[in-house]
Amino acid sequence: MAVAFLVPLLTAVLLSAVFLNPDNPQATAAAFFAGMGIASWLIGWRRYGLPGLGLRGRRPLYASIGFAALGWIVFLLFRFIFVRVVGFGPADSTRSFIFLLLFEAFAVQLWAYGLLFRVLADWRGPLAAAVGSGVIFGAIAYLLFQESFFGDLTSLLYFILWGVFYGVIRLRTGSILGSVVIQAMHSFTAWVVMPPQTPPVVSEVQTLYLAAGIAYLIFIWRLWPKEEADYRV
């Protein structure tokens, strides 16, 4: 457990220090997330194999896309309702999407729902793995993701519920690939295509996170496995 938790974090810190660029915080963040993802890939591939890390296609992939897309659609609807659209993002936003897909989504999920999920499942069982990996994902998102605008309790609860929602999807489908793609689309459409005003209005974002968090709670309740046959570790 200590190796799975600490080695990717230490690798991430080391790479971000090596590639530290005060003039380009996104490059430093990319190095951090890349270190986390590379270390998780190497440790997890050797111990569990790629399917064991949740890198599964076909039916697991389609199922995870379907479940994660529910959260994306609801969040995007609430984004329209509660946060004012002040314009649309730049046409040349390919770099932002690649960053969101490869670093904020794939690298972080590979660590949380790939490596840590499997370690927690072996240690405390699949349900603890779904919740524990979700809390860890939520904490990383709250601390480091670009869309974490405010350091308040509402934001923290939102990111944790988002993480547990993805953790339950990982448990039910056995795949992280669908939620990786949807997470990138989720952040891209909500915060890059439709950027909020700068700085964002606190009350608007808090209302959005509160409404989305309630929706995620409902999805978690509906997806929560009823019997062991529902587990896809």
C-alpha atoms as a PDB file:
ATOM      1  CA  MET A   1       0.000   0.000   0.000  1.00  0.00           C
ATOM      2  CA  ALA A   2       2.779   2.420   0.916  1.00  0.00           C
ATOM      3  CA  VAL A   3       4.593   1.761  -2.374  1.00  0.00           C
ATOM      4  CA  ALA A   4       1.440   2.300  -4.452  1.00  0.00           C
ATOM      5  CA  PHE A   5       0.633   5.527  -2.635  1.00  0.00           C
ATOM      6  CA  LEU A   6       4.048   7.113  -2.127  1.00  0.00           C
ATOM      7  CA  VAL A   7       6.135   6.128  -5.161  1.00  0.00           C
ATOM      8  CA  PRO A   8       3.837   7.790  -7.757  1.00  0.00           C
ATOM      9  CA  LEU A   9       3.541  10.908  -5.591  1.00  0.00           C
ATOM     10  CA  LEU A  10       7.294  11.155  -5.064  1.00  0.00           C
ATOM     11  CA  THR A  11       7.917  10.593  -8.775  1.00  0.00           C
ATOM     12  CA  ALA A  12       5.410  13.325  -9.573  1.00  0.00           C
ATOM     13  CA  VAL A  13       7.065  15.783  -7.194  1.00  0.00           C
ATOM     14  CA  LEU A  14      10.525  14.962  -8.590  1.00  0.00           C
ATOM     15  CA  LEU A  15       9.498  15.451 -12.229  1.00  0.00           C
ATOM     16  CA  SER A  16       7.643  18.677 -11.478  1.00  0.00           C
ATOM     17  CA  ALA A  17      10.764  19.994  -9.731  1.00  0.00           C
ATOM     18  CA  VAL A  18      12.964  19.043 -12.683  1.00  0.00           C
ATOM     19  CA  PHE A  19      10.616  20.681 -15.197  1.00  0.00           C
ATOM     20  CA  LEU A  20       9.597  23.599 -12.977  1.00  0.00           C
ATOM     21  CA  ASN A  21       8.594  26.571 -15.114  1.00  0.00           C
ATOM     22  CA  PRO A  22       7.219  29.553 -13.180  1.00  0.00           C
ATOM     23  CA  ASP A  23       6.176  31.195 -16.447  1.00  0.00           C
ATOM     24  CA  ASN A  24       4.135  28.157 -17.539  1.00  0.00           C
ATOM     25  CA  PRO A  25       2.300  26.533 -14.616  1.00  0.00           C
ATOM     26  CA  GLN A  26       0.518  24.113 -16.960  1.00  0.00           C
ATOM     27  CA  ALA A  27       3.854  22.621 -18.053  1.00  0.00           C
ATOM     28  CA  THR A  28       4.828  22.088 -14.415  1.00  0.00           C
ATOM     29  CA  ALA A  29       1.448  20.504 -13.708  1.00  0.00           C
ATOM     30  CA  ALA A  30       1.826  18.253 -16.761  1.00  0.00           C
ATOM     31  CA  ALA A  31       5.193  17.042 -15.458  1.00  0.00           C
ATOM     32  CA  PHE A  32       3.643  16.322 -12.045  1.00  0.00           C
ATOM     33  CA  PHE A  33       0.736  14.329 -13.451  1.00  0.00           C
ATOM     34  CA  ALA A  34       2.995  12.564 -15.969  1.00  0.00           C
ATOM     35  CA  GLY A  35       5.256  11.357 -13.163  1.00  0.00           C
ATOM     36  CA  MET A  36       2.235  10.064 -11.286  1.00  0.00           C
ATOM     37  CA  GLY A  37       0.911   8.235 -14.333  1.00  0.00           C
ATOM     38  CA  ILE A  38       4.230   6.714 -15.424  1.00  0.00           C
ATOM     39  CA  ALA A  39       5.035   5.369 -11.952  1.00  0.00           C
ATOM     40  CA  SER A  40       1.503   3.971 -11.585  1.00  0.00           C
ATOM     41  CA  TRP A  41       1.718   2.298 -14.993  1.00  0.00           C
ATOM     42  CA  LEU A  42       5.044   0.606 -14.234  1.00  0.00           C
ATOM     43  CA  ILE A  43       4.073  -0.592 -10.745  1.00  0.00           C
ATOM     44  CA  GLY A  44       0.554  -1.664 -11.701  1.00  0.00           C
ATOM     45  CA  TRP A  45       1.478  -3.331 -15.000  1.00  0.00           C
ATOM     46  CA  ARG A  46       3.977  -5.555 -13.228  1.00  0.00           C
ATOM     47  CA  ARG A  47       1.654  -6.475 -10.339  1.00  0.00           C
ATOM     48  CA  TYR A  48      -1.770  -6.639 -11.971  1.00  0.00           C
ATOM     49  CA  GLY A  49      -1.418  -6.400 -15.753  1.00  0.00           C
ATOM     50  CA  LEU A  50      -3.207  -3.833 -17.881  1.00  0.00           C
ATOM     51  CA  PRO A  51      -6.728  -5.308 -17.474  1.00  0.00           C
ATOM     52  CA  GLY A  52      -6.174  -5.320 -13.722  1.00  0.00           C
ATOM     53  CA  LEU A  53      -5.520  -1.592 -13.875  1.00  0.00           C
ATOM     54  CA  GLY A  54      -8.897  -1.016 -15.489  1.00  0.00           C
ATOM     55  CA  LEU A  55      -7.556  -0.636 -19.028  1.00  0.00           C
ATOM     56  CA  ARG A  56     -10.327  -2.711 -20.566  1.00  0.00           C
ATOM     57  CA  GLY A  57     -12.161  -2.129 -23.799  1.00  0.00           C
ATOM     58  CA  ARG A  58     -15.345  -3.398 -25.428  1.00  0.00           C
ATOM     59  CA  ARG A  59     -18.307  -3.834 -23.061  1.00  0.00           C
ATOM     60  CA  PRO A  60     -16.541  -2.496 -19.936  1.00  0.00           C
ATOM     61  CA  LEU A  61     -15.453   0.567 -21.915  1.00  0.00           C
ATOM     62  CA  TYR A  62     -18.927   1.240 -23.293  1.00  0.00           C
ATOM     63  CA  ALA A  63     -20.534   0.734 -19.889  1.00  0.00           C
ATOM     64  CA  SER A  64     -18.134   3.137 -18.184  1.00  0.00           C
ATOM     65  CA  ILE A  65     -18.716   5.723 -20.918  1.00  0.00           C
ATOM     66  CA  GLY A  66     -22.473   5.427 -20.459  1.00  0.00           C
ATOM     67  CA  PHE A  67     -22.419   5.811 -16.671  1.00  0.00           C
ATOM     68  CA  ALA A  68     -19.859   8.638 -16.655  1.00  0.00           C
ATOM     69  CA  ALA A  69     -21.728  10.464 -19.418  1.00  0.00           C
ATOM     70  CA  LEU A  70     -24.761  10.731 -17.115  1.00  0.00           C
ATOM     71  CA  GLY A  71     -22.687  12.811 -14.722  1.00  0.00           C
ATOM     72  CA  TRP A  72     -21.260  14.906 -17.543  1.00  0.00           C
ATOM     73  CA  ILE A  73     -24.673  15.691 -19.042  1.00  0.00           C
ATOM     74  CA  VAL A  74     -26.182  16.654 -15.692  1.00  0.00           C
ATOM     75  CA  PHE A  75     -23.167  18.805 -14.794  1.00  0.00           C
ATOM     76  CA  LEU A  76     -23.273  20.566 -18.160  1.00  0.00           C
ATOM     77  CA  LEU A  77     -26.988  21.272 -17.728  1.00  0.00           C
ATOM     78  CA  PHE A  78     -26.369  22.780 -14.288  1.00  0.00           C
ATOM     79  CA  ARG A  79     -23.420  24.714 -15.733  1.00  0.00           C
ATOM     80  CA  PHE A  80     -25.815  26.423 -18.163  1.00  0.00           C
ATOM     81  CA  ILE A  81     -28.348  27.129 -15.427  1.00  0.00           C
ATOM     82  CA  PHE A  82     -26.228  28.369 -12.542  1.00  0.00           C
ATOM     83  CA  VAL A  83     -23.019  29.864 -13.975  1.00  0.00           C
ATOM     84  CA  ARG A  84     -23.246  32.692 -16.469  1.00  0.00           C
ATOM     85  CA  VAL A  85     -21.698  32.058 -19.880  1.00  0.00           C
ATOM     86  CA  VAL A  86     -19.556  35.091 -20.691  1.00  0.00           C
ATOM     87  CA  GLY A  87     -18.324  33.791 -24.036  1.00  0.00           C
ATOM     88  CA  PHE A  88     -16.906  30.742 -25.702  1.00  0.00           C
ATOM     89  CA  GLY A  89     -13.375  29.438 -25.528  1.00  0.00           C
ATOM     90  CA  PRO A  90     -10.717  30.017 -28.182  1.00  0.00           C
ATOM     91  CA  ALA A  91     -10.900  28.001 -31.370  1.00  0.00           C
ATOM     92  CA  ASP A  92      -7.325  26.825 -30.864  1.00  0.00           C
ATOM     93  CA  SER A  93      -7.965  24.854 -27.671  1.00  0.00           C
ATOM     94  CA  THR A  94      -6.491  21.510 -28.764  1.00  0.00           C
ATOM     95  CA  ARG A  95      -3.625  21.863 -26.301  1.00  0.00           C
ATOM     96  CA  SER A  96      -6.045  22.311 -23.396  1.00  0.00           C
ATOM     97  CA  PHE A  97      -7.996  19.195 -24.338  1.00  0.00           C
ATOM     98  CA  ILE A  98      -4.824  17.096 -24.679  1.00  0.00           C
ATOM     99  CA  PHE A  99      -3.698  18.295 -21.246  1.00  0.00           C
ATOM    100  CA  LEU A 100      -7.061  17.419 -19.707  1.00  0.00           C
ATOM    101  CA  LEU A 101      -7.198  14.002 -21.377  1.00  0.00           C
ATOM    102  CA  LEU A 102      -3.647  12.771 -20.823  1.00  0.00           C
ATOM    103  CA  PHE A 103      -2.751  14.406 -17.531  1.00  0.00           C
ATOM    104  CA  GLU A 104      -5.736  15.455 -15.405  1.00  0.00           C
ATOM    105  CA  ALA A 105      -7.810  12.480 -16.558  1.00  0.00           C
ATOM    106  CA  PHE A 106      -5.680   9.498 -17.637  1.00  0.00           C
ATOM    107  CA  ALA A 107      -2.657   9.931 -15.362  1.00  0.00           C
ATOM    108  CA  VAL A 108      -4.671  10.695 -12.216  1.00  0.00           C
ATOM    109  CA  GLN A 109      -7.256   7.980 -12.843  1.00  0.00           C
ATOM    110  CA  LEU A 110      -4.550   5.419 -13.595  1.00  0.00           C
ATOM    111  CA  TRP A 111      -3.128   6.099 -10.151  1.00  0.00           C
ATOM    112  CA  ALA A 112      -6.413   6.389  -8.251  1.00  0.00           C
ATOM    113  CA  TYR A 113      -8.692   3.862  -9.985  1.00  0.00           C
ATOM    114  CA  GLY A 114      -6.006   1.674 -11.500  1.00  0.00           C
ATOM    115  CA  LEU A 115      -3.222   1.107  -8.992  1.00  0.00           C
ATOM    116  CA  LEU A 116      -4.698   2.326  -5.690  1.00  0.00           C
ATOM    117  CA  PHE A 117      -8.088   0.751  -6.406  1.00  0.00           C
ATOM    118  CA  ARG A 118      -6.492  -2.684  -6.824  1.00  0.00           C
ATOM    119  CA  VAL A 119      -4.322  -2.318  -3.739  1.00  0.00           C
ATOM    120  CA  LEU A 120      -7.290  -1.183  -1.631  1.00  0.00           C
ATOM    121  CA  ALA A 121      -9.467  -3.969  -3.032  1.00  0.00           C
ATOM    122  CA  ASP A 122      -6.894  -6.583  -1.992  1.00  0.00           C
ATOM    123  CA  TRP A 123      -6.499  -4.965   1.416  1.00  0.00           C
ATOM    124  CA  ARG A 124     -10.027  -3.910   2.430  1.00  0.00           C
ATOM    125  CA  GLY A 125     -12.353  -5.191  -0.266  1.00  0.00           C
ATOM    126  CA  PRO A 126     -13.926  -3.791  -3.458  1.00  0.00           C
ATOM    127  CA  LEU A 127     -16.399  -1.406  -1.803  1.00  0.00           C
ATOM    128  CA  ALA A 128     -13.669   0.198   0.289  1.00  0.00           C
ATOM    129  CA  ALA A 129     -11.596   0.455  -2.893  1.00  0.00           C
ATOM    130  CA  ALA A 130     -14.356   2.314  -4.733  1.00  0.00           C
ATOM    131  CA  VAL A 131     -14.835   4.832  -1.914  1.00  0.00           C
ATOM    132  CA  GLY A 132     -11.179   5.148  -0.933  1.00  0.00           C
ATOM    133  CA  SER A 133      -9.888   5.664  -4.461  1.00  0.00           C
ATOM    134  CA  GLY A 134     -12.706   8.147  -5.061  1.00  0.00           C
ATOM    135  CA  VAL A 135     -11.774  10.195  -1.995  1.00  0.00           C
ATOM    136  CA  ILE A 136      -8.121  10.240  -3.095  1.00  0.00           C
ATOM    137  CA  PHE A 137      -9.099  11.310  -6.621  1.00  0.00           C
ATOM    138  CA  GLY A 138     -11.330  14.023  -5.184  1.00  0.00           C
ATOM    139  CA  ALA A 139      -8.560  15.338  -2.940  1.00  0.00           C
ATOM    140  CA  ILE A 140      -6.103  15.531  -5.845  1.00  0.00           C
ATOM    141  CA  ALA A 141      -8.729  17.247  -8.009  1.00  0.00           C
ATOM    142  CA  TYR A 142      -9.555  19.736  -5.255  1.00  0.00           C
ATOM    143  CA  LEU A 143      -5.894  20.603  -4.729  1.00  0.00           C
ATOM    144  CA  LEU A 144      -4.524  20.547  -8.279  1.00  0.00           C
ATOM    145  CA  PHE A 145      -7.156  20.596 -11.032  1.00  0.00           C
ATOM    146  CA  GLN A 146      -7.597  23.799 -13.022  1.00  0.00           C
ATOM    147  CA  GLU A 147     -11.333  23.876 -12.317  1.00  0.00           C
ATOM    148  CA  SER A 148     -10.851  23.987  -8.536  1.00  0.00           C
ATOM    149  CA  PHE A 149     -11.470  27.707  -8.179  1.00  0.00           C
ATOM    150  CA  PHE A 150     -12.161  28.041  -4.445  1.00  0.00           C
ATOM    151  CA  GLY A 151     -10.772  26.379  -1.345  1.00  0.00           C
ATOM    152  CA  ASP A 152     -14.065  25.940   0.464  1.00  0.00           C
ATOM    153  CA  LEU A 153     -16.039  23.025   1.908  1.00  0.00           C
ATOM    154  CA  THR A 154     -18.602  22.995  -0.922  1.00  0.00           C
ATOM    155  CA  SER A 155     -15.875  22.548  -3.521  1.00  0.00           C
ATOM    156  CA  LEU A 156     -14.161  19.815  -1.495  1.00  0.00           C
ATOM    157  CA  LEU A 157     -17.406  17.858  -1.073  1.00  0.00           C
ATOM    158  CA  TYR A 158     -18.167  18.205  -4.779  1.00  0.00           C
ATOM    159  CA  PHE A 159     -14.795  16.833  -5.862  1.00  0.00           C
ATOM    160  CA  ILE A 160     -14.983  13.947  -3.390  1.00  0.00           C
ATOM    161  CA  LEU A 161     -18.484  12.993  -4.573  1.00  0.00           C
ATOM    162  CA  TRP A 162     -17.297  13.215  -8.187  1.00  0.00           C
ATOM    163  CA  GLY A 163     -14.426  10.922  -7.268  1.00  0.00           C
ATOM    164  CA  VAL A 164     -16.612   8.373  -5.481  1.00  0.00           C
ATOM    165  CA  PHE A 165     -19.006   8.407  -8.443  1.00  0.00           C
ATOM    166  CA  TYR A 166     -16.123   7.436 -10.743  1.00  0.00           C
ATOM    167  CA  GLY A 167     -14.937   4.902  -8.161  1.00  0.00           C
ATOM    168  CA  VAL A 168     -18.301   3.143  -8.224  1.00  0.00           C
ATOM    169  CA  ILE A 169     -18.220   3.192 -12.039  1.00  0.00           C
ATOM    170  CA  ARG A 170     -14.790   1.535 -11.881  1.00  0.00           C
ATOM    171  CA  LEU A 171     -16.198  -1.102  -9.530  1.00  0.00           C
ATOM    172  CA  ARG A 172     -19.290  -1.809 -11.617  1.00  0.00           C
ATOM    173  CA  THR A 173     -17.627  -1.857 -15.061  1.00  0.00           C
ATOM    174  CA  GLY A 174     -13.995  -2.833 -14.444  1.00  0.00           C
ATOM    175  CA  SER A 175     -12.779  -0.092 -16.791  1.00  0.00           C
ATOM    176  CA  ILE A 176     -11.377   3.404 -16.346  1.00  0.00           C
ATOM    177  CA  LEU A 177     -11.095   4.257 -20.028  1.00  0.00           C
ATOM    178  CA  GLY A 178     -14.649   5.506 -20.435  1.00  0.00           C
ATOM    179  CA  SER A 179     -14.523   7.771 -17.400  1.00  0.00           C
ATOM    180  CA  VAL A 180     -11.116   9.086 -18.548  1.00  0.00           C
ATOM    181  CA  VAL A 181     -12.598  10.249 -21.850  1.00  0.00           C
ATOM    182  CA  ILE A 182     -15.736  11.658 -20.224  1.00  0.00           C
ATOM    183  CA  GLN A 183     -13.763  13.454 -17.507  1.00  0.00           C
ATOM    184  CA  ALA A 184     -11.736  15.256 -20.157  1.00  0.00           C
ATOM    185  CA  MET A 185     -14.898  16.153 -22.092  1.00  0.00           C
ATOM    186  CA  HIS A 186     -16.591  17.215 -18.856  1.00  0.00           C
ATOM    187  CA  SER A 187     -13.845  19.685 -17.913  1.00  0.00           C
ATOM    188  CA  PHE A 188     -13.257  20.835 -21.492  1.00  0.00           C
ATOM    189  CA  THR A 189     -16.871  21.662 -22.304  1.00  0.00           C
ATOM    190  CA  ALA A 190     -17.688  23.225 -18.929  1.00  0.00           C
ATOM    191  CA  TRP A 191     -14.579  25.323 -18.318  1.00  0.00           C
ATOM    192  CA  VAL A 192     -12.715  25.743 -21.640  1.00  0.00           C
ATOM    193  CA  VAL A 193     -15.489  25.929 -24.230  1.00  0.00           C
ATOM    194  CA  MET A 194     -17.631  27.990 -21.826  1.00  0.00           C
ATOM    195  CA  PRO A 195     -15.192  29.809 -19.546  1.00  0.00           C
ATOM    196  CA  PRO A 196     -16.689  31.625 -16.563  1.00  0.00           C
ATOM    197  CA  GLN A 197     -15.940  35.248 -15.901  1.00  0.00           C
ATOM    198  CA  THR A 198     -12.579  35.981 -14.281  1.00  0.00           C
ATOM    199  CA  PRO A 199     -12.574  35.576 -11.354  1.00  0.00           C
ATOM    200  CA  PRO A 200     -15.607  33.253 -11.196  1.00  0.00           C
ATOM    201  CA  VAL A 201     -18.529  34.308  -9.024  1.00  0.00           C
ATOM    202  CA  VAL A 202     -18.277  32.338  -5.787  1.00  0.00           C
ATOM    203  CA  SER A 203     -22.020  31.921  -5.249  1.00  0.00           C
ATOM    204  CA  GLU A 204     -22.588  30.689  -8.814  1.00  0.00           C
ATOM    205  CA  VAL A 205     -19.889  28.022  -8.678  1.00  0.00           C
ATOM    206  CA  GLN A 206     -20.926  26.934  -5.180  1.00  0.00           C
ATOM    207  CA  THR A 207     -24.517  26.476  -6.343  1.00  0.00           C
ATOM    208  CA  LEU A 208     -23.319  24.489  -9.349  1.00  0.00           C
ATOM    209  CA  TYR A 209     -21.143  22.239  -7.192  1.00  0.00           C
ATOM    210  CA  LEU A 210     -23.940  21.733  -4.673  1.00  0.00           C
ATOM    211  CA  ALA A 211     -26.474  20.740  -7.342  1.00  0.00           C
ATOM    212  CA  ALA A 212     -23.988  18.472  -9.134  1.00  0.00           C
ATOM    213  CA  GLY A 213     -22.954  16.870  -5.838  1.00  0.00           C
ATOM    214  CA  ILE A 214     -26.572  15.965  -5.063  1.00  0.00           C
ATOM    215  CA  ALA A 215     -26.906  14.438  -8.545  1.00  0.00           C
ATOM    216  CA  TYR A 216     -23.718  12.407  -8.022  1.00  0.00           C
ATOM    217  CA  LEU A 217     -25.077  11.140  -4.702  1.00  0.00           C
ATOM    218  CA  ILE A 218     -28.176   9.871  -6.498  1.00  0.00           C
ATOM    219  CA  PHE A 219     -26.054   8.189  -9.186  1.00  0.00           C
ATOM    220  CA  ILE A 220     -23.847   6.576  -6.518  1.00  0.00           C
ATOM    221  CA  TRP A 221     -26.925   5.233  -4.766  1.00  0.00           C
ATOM    222  CA  ARG A 222     -28.349   3.805  -7.988  1.00  0.00           C
ATOM    223  CA  LEU A 223     -25.032   2.262  -9.087  1.00  0.00           C
ATOM    224  CA  TRP A 224     -24.045   0.903  -5.680  1.00  0.00           C
ATOM    225  CA  PRO A 225     -23.591  -2.878  -6.146  1.00  0.00           C
ATOM    226  CA  LYS A 226     -26.197  -5.037  -4.434  1.00  0.00           C
ATOM    227  CA  GLU A 227     -24.260  -8.316  -4.501  1.00  0.00           C
ATOM    228  CA  GLU A 228     -20.755  -9.600  -5.154  1.00  0.00           C
ATOM    229  CA  ALA A 229     -21.677 -10.614  -8.712  1.00  0.00           C
ATOM    230  CA  ASP A 230     -21.848  -6.890  -9.507  1.00  0.00           C
ATOM    231  CA  TYR A 231     -18.151  -6.364  -8.727  1.00  0.00           C
ATOM    232  CA  ARG A 232     -15.722  -5.956 -11.632  1.00  0.00           C
ATOM    233  CA  VAL A 233     -12.407  -5.587  -9.849  1.00  0.00           C
END
